[in-house]
Amino acid sequence: MNWKIILISSLVNIVLTIILSLIFFLFFFLGPLTGGFFSSYLSKGYEDYDTMDEKDGAVVGAVSGLIGGIIIGLLFILGFGDISAITGVISTKIGVLTDHITLITGYLIFQFSVFISFVLGLVGGIVGVAVK
């Protein structure tokens, strides 16, 4: 694998996802798709690039999405305060269990961001090989 391209694609994934989720949340999915697309489309470092098929693109895109998803999940939990906004809405209804709900909500948001970024990076990798 060409780790430079994968890391650059992960950074594209992170930046686009954060910017698009802050501007208009429904466009967050474009970040992982673009990152996975770039990771497979720009992967010219393979010796056998001509024989690169959809499975190879899916693997490269999935790795890019996984790296990006972990960093995005950590940034959402630690940096942007999205957790406090979401748990504020939930905890007003629950009351006593707010500490546990905050922890569970943070974990679920982290897992959701990693999973979505992984799957969309995989799809973007397949599309990148198909376009190439």
C-alpha atoms as a PDB file:
ATOM      1  CA  MET A   1       0.000   0.000   0.000  1.00  0.00           C
ATOM      2  CA  ASN A   2       1.073   3.537  -0.640  1.00  0.00           C
ATOM      3  CA  TRP A   3       0.739   5.016   2.849  1.00  0.00           C
ATOM      4  CA  LYS A   4       1.409   8.585   1.750  1.00  0.00           C
ATOM      5  CA  ILE A   5      -1.618   8.592  -0.520  1.00  0.00           C
ATOM      6  CA  ILE A   6      -3.746   6.837   2.103  1.00  0.00           C
ATOM      7  CA  LEU A   7      -2.831   9.382   4.775  1.00  0.00           C
ATOM      8  CA  ILE A   8      -3.410  12.322   2.428  1.00  0.00           C
ATOM      9  CA  SER A   9      -6.785  10.823   1.467  1.00  0.00           C
ATOM     10  CA  SER A  10      -7.606  10.390   5.153  1.00  0.00           C
ATOM     11  CA  LEU A  11      -6.825  14.061   5.716  1.00  0.00           C
ATOM     12  CA  VAL A  12      -9.090  14.992   2.793  1.00  0.00           C
ATOM     13  CA  ASN A  13     -11.767  12.813   4.400  1.00  0.00           C
ATOM     14  CA  ILE A  14     -11.339  14.530   7.775  1.00  0.00           C
ATOM     15  CA  VAL A  15     -11.291  18.096   6.491  1.00  0.00           C
ATOM     16  CA  LEU A  16     -14.253  17.673   4.147  1.00  0.00           C
ATOM     17  CA  THR A  17     -16.337  15.819   6.716  1.00  0.00           C
ATOM     18  CA  ILE A  18     -15.752  18.398   9.421  1.00  0.00           C
ATOM     19  CA  ILE A  19     -16.335  21.391   7.152  1.00  0.00           C
ATOM     20  CA  LEU A  20     -19.424  19.900   5.537  1.00  0.00           C
ATOM     21  CA  SER A  21     -20.901  18.719   8.837  1.00  0.00           C
ATOM     22  CA  LEU A  22     -20.472  22.190  10.310  1.00  0.00           C
ATOM     23  CA  ILE A  23     -21.975  23.921   7.251  1.00  0.00           C
ATOM     24  CA  PHE A  24     -24.767  21.500   6.433  1.00  0.00           C
ATOM     25  CA  PHE A  25     -24.804  18.192   8.291  1.00  0.00           C
ATOM     26  CA  LEU A  26     -26.442  16.138   5.536  1.00  0.00           C
ATOM     27  CA  PHE A  27     -23.381  16.512   3.291  1.00  0.00           C
ATOM     28  CA  PHE A  28     -20.981  14.844   5.759  1.00  0.00           C
ATOM     29  CA  PHE A  29     -20.918  11.674   3.657  1.00  0.00           C
ATOM     30  CA  LEU A  30     -19.012  13.396   0.848  1.00  0.00           C
ATOM     31  CA  GLY A  31     -15.810  13.487   2.917  1.00  0.00           C
ATOM     32  CA  PRO A  32     -15.314   9.705   3.245  1.00  0.00           C
ATOM     33  CA  LEU A  33     -16.445   9.106  -0.335  1.00  0.00           C
ATOM     34  CA  THR A  34     -13.927  11.641  -1.637  1.00  0.00           C
ATOM     35  CA  GLY A  35     -11.147  10.286   0.578  1.00  0.00           C
ATOM     36  CA  GLY A  36     -11.750   6.711  -0.575  1.00  0.00           C
ATOM     37  CA  PHE A  37     -11.979   7.847  -4.189  1.00  0.00           C
ATOM     38  CA  PHE A  38      -8.662   9.730  -4.008  1.00  0.00           C
ATOM     39  CA  SER A  39      -6.895   6.878  -2.241  1.00  0.00           C
ATOM     40  CA  SER A  40      -7.703   4.393  -5.005  1.00  0.00           C
ATOM     41  CA  TYR A  41      -7.647   6.796  -7.949  1.00  0.00           C
ATOM     42  CA  LEU A  42      -4.213   8.196  -7.073  1.00  0.00           C
ATOM     43  CA  SER A  43      -2.658   4.850  -6.118  1.00  0.00           C
ATOM     44  CA  LYS A  44      -0.092   4.711  -8.877  1.00  0.00           C
ATOM     45  CA  GLY A  45       2.653   3.475  -6.599  1.00  0.00           C
ATOM     46  CA  TYR A  46       1.723  -0.167  -7.162  1.00  0.00           C
ATOM     47  CA  GLU A  47       4.013  -2.213  -9.322  1.00  0.00           C
ATOM     48  CA  ASP A  48       0.996  -3.955 -10.811  1.00  0.00           C
ATOM     49  CA  TYR A  49      -1.333  -0.964 -11.030  1.00  0.00           C
ATOM     50  CA  ASP A  50      -2.765  -2.173 -14.316  1.00  0.00           C
ATOM     51  CA  THR A  51      -4.152  -5.247 -12.575  1.00  0.00           C
ATOM     52  CA  MET A  52      -5.646  -3.270  -9.682  1.00  0.00           C
ATOM     53  CA  ASP A  53      -9.286  -4.281  -9.414  1.00  0.00           C
ATOM     54  CA  GLU A  54     -12.287  -3.266  -7.314  1.00  0.00           C
ATOM     55  CA  LYS A  55     -11.166  -5.375  -4.351  1.00  0.00           C
ATOM     56  CA  ASP A  56      -7.854  -3.538  -4.164  1.00  0.00           C
ATOM     57  CA  GLY A  57      -9.656  -0.211  -4.422  1.00  0.00           C
ATOM     58  CA  ALA A  58     -12.070  -1.273  -1.714  1.00  0.00           C
ATOM     59  CA  VAL A  59      -9.207  -2.192   0.628  1.00  0.00           C
ATOM     60  CA  VAL A  60      -7.315   1.050   0.025  1.00  0.00           C
ATOM     61  CA  GLY A  61     -10.501   3.124   0.377  1.00  0.00           C
ATOM     62  CA  ALA A  62     -11.551   1.244   3.512  1.00  0.00           C
ATOM     63  CA  VAL A  63      -8.173   1.831   5.181  1.00  0.00           C
ATOM     64  CA  SER A  64      -8.391   5.512   4.302  1.00  0.00           C
ATOM     65  CA  GLY A  65     -11.946   5.660   5.660  1.00  0.00           C
ATOM     66  CA  LEU A  66     -10.994   3.804   8.831  1.00  0.00           C
ATOM     67  CA  ILE A  67      -8.131   6.162   9.637  1.00  0.00           C
ATOM     68  CA  GLY A  68     -10.270   9.183   8.842  1.00  0.00           C
ATOM     69  CA  GLY A  69     -13.226   7.831  10.816  1.00  0.00           C
ATOM     70  CA  ILE A  70     -11.179   7.271  13.958  1.00  0.00           C
ATOM     71  CA  ILE A  71      -9.777  10.796  13.845  1.00  0.00           C
ATOM     72  CA  ILE A  72     -13.175  12.324  13.018  1.00  0.00           C
ATOM     73  CA  GLY A  73     -14.809  10.419  15.863  1.00  0.00           C
ATOM     74  CA  LEU A  74     -12.192  11.595  18.331  1.00  0.00           C
ATOM     75  CA  LEU A  75     -12.473  15.179  17.114  1.00  0.00           C
ATOM     76  CA  PHE A  76     -16.250  15.144  17.436  1.00  0.00           C
ATOM     77  CA  ILE A  77     -16.031  13.780  20.964  1.00  0.00           C
ATOM     78  CA  LEU A  78     -13.106  15.856  22.207  1.00  0.00           C
ATOM     79  CA  GLY A  79     -13.113  18.990  20.147  1.00  0.00           C
ATOM     80  CA  PHE A  80     -16.366  20.295  18.838  1.00  0.00           C
ATOM     81  CA  GLY A  81     -18.789  19.861  21.690  1.00  0.00           C
ATOM     82  CA  ASP A  82     -21.290  17.928  19.617  1.00  0.00           C
ATOM     83  CA  ILE A  83     -21.505  15.412  22.406  1.00  0.00           C
ATOM     84  CA  SER A  84     -22.584  18.049  24.918  1.00  0.00           C
ATOM     85  CA  ALA A  85     -25.287  19.341  22.587  1.00  0.00           C
ATOM     86  CA  ILE A  86     -26.669  15.878  21.879  1.00  0.00           C
ATOM     87  CA  THR A  87     -26.484  14.711  25.474  1.00  0.00           C
ATOM     88  CA  GLY A  88     -28.061  17.952  26.653  1.00  0.00           C
ATOM     89  CA  VAL A  89     -31.183  17.111  24.698  1.00  0.00           C
ATOM     90  CA  ILE A  90     -31.162  13.515  25.923  1.00  0.00           C
ATOM     91  CA  SER A  91     -30.338  14.276  29.557  1.00  0.00           C
ATOM     92  CA  THR A  92     -33.164  16.759  29.998  1.00  0.00           C
ATOM     93  CA  LYS A  93     -35.547  13.838  29.663  1.00  0.00           C
ATOM     94  CA  ILE A  94     -33.556  11.342  31.741  1.00  0.00           C
ATOM     95  CA  GLY A  95     -32.215  13.261  34.736  1.00  0.00           C
ATOM     96  CA  VAL A  96     -30.374  10.845  37.029  1.00  0.00           C
ATOM     97  CA  LEU A  97     -28.487   8.780  34.454  1.00  0.00           C
ATOM     98  CA  THR A  98     -26.787  11.687  32.670  1.00  0.00           C
ATOM     99  CA  ASP A  99     -23.203  10.576  33.338  1.00  0.00           C
ATOM    100  CA  HIS A 100     -23.810   7.122  31.925  1.00  0.00           C
ATOM    101  CA  ILE A 101     -25.817   8.475  29.033  1.00  0.00           C
ATOM    102  CA  THR A 102     -23.012  10.895  28.142  1.00  0.00           C
ATOM    103  CA  LEU A 103     -20.495   8.065  28.062  1.00  0.00           C
ATOM    104  CA  ILE A 104     -22.761   5.788  26.051  1.00  0.00           C
ATOM    105  CA  THR A 105     -23.692   8.559  23.625  1.00  0.00           C
ATOM    106  CA  GLY A 106     -20.032   9.447  23.092  1.00  0.00           C
ATOM    107  CA  TYR A 107     -19.189   5.819  22.427  1.00  0.00           C
ATOM    108  CA  LEU A 108     -22.082   5.409  19.989  1.00  0.00           C
ATOM    109  CA  ILE A 109     -21.183   8.571  18.082  1.00  0.00           C
ATOM    110  CA  PHE A 110     -17.558   7.408  17.849  1.00  0.00           C
ATOM    111  CA  GLN A 111     -18.581   3.966  16.573  1.00  0.00           C
ATOM    112  CA  PHE A 112     -21.073   5.473  14.125  1.00  0.00           C
ATOM    113  CA  SER A 113     -18.501   7.867  12.673  1.00  0.00           C
ATOM    114  CA  VAL A 114     -15.896   5.102  12.275  1.00  0.00           C
ATOM    115  CA  PHE A 115     -18.368   2.701  10.677  1.00  0.00           C
ATOM    116  CA  ILE A 116     -19.870   5.255   8.285  1.00  0.00           C
ATOM    117  CA  SER A 117     -16.452   6.550   7.258  1.00  0.00           C
ATOM    118  CA  PHE A 118     -15.188   2.986   6.751  1.00  0.00           C
ATOM    119  CA  VAL A 119     -18.118   1.957   4.553  1.00  0.00           C
ATOM    120  CA  LEU A 120     -18.189   5.170   2.532  1.00  0.00           C
ATOM    121  CA  GLY A 121     -14.402   5.060   2.068  1.00  0.00           C
ATOM    122  CA  LEU A 122     -14.769   1.511   0.791  1.00  0.00           C
ATOM    123  CA  VAL A 123     -17.440   2.611  -1.702  1.00  0.00           C
ATOM    124  CA  GLY A 124     -15.300   5.594  -2.751  1.00  0.00           C
ATOM    125  CA  GLY A 125     -12.350   3.238  -3.334  1.00  0.00           C
ATOM    126  CA  ILE A 126     -14.418   1.015  -5.596  1.00  0.00           C
ATOM    127  CA  VAL A 127     -15.651   4.049  -7.540  1.00  0.00           C
ATOM    128  CA  GLY A 128     -12.067   5.364  -7.860  1.00  0.00           C
ATOM    129  CA  VAL A 129     -10.893   2.123  -9.466  1.00  0.00           C
ATOM    130  CA  ALA A 130     -13.953   1.992 -11.723  1.00  0.00           C
ATOM    131  CA  VAL A 131     -13.312   5.551 -12.929  1.00  0.00           C
ATOM    132  CA  LYS A 132      -9.617   4.886 -13.439  1.00  0.00           C
END
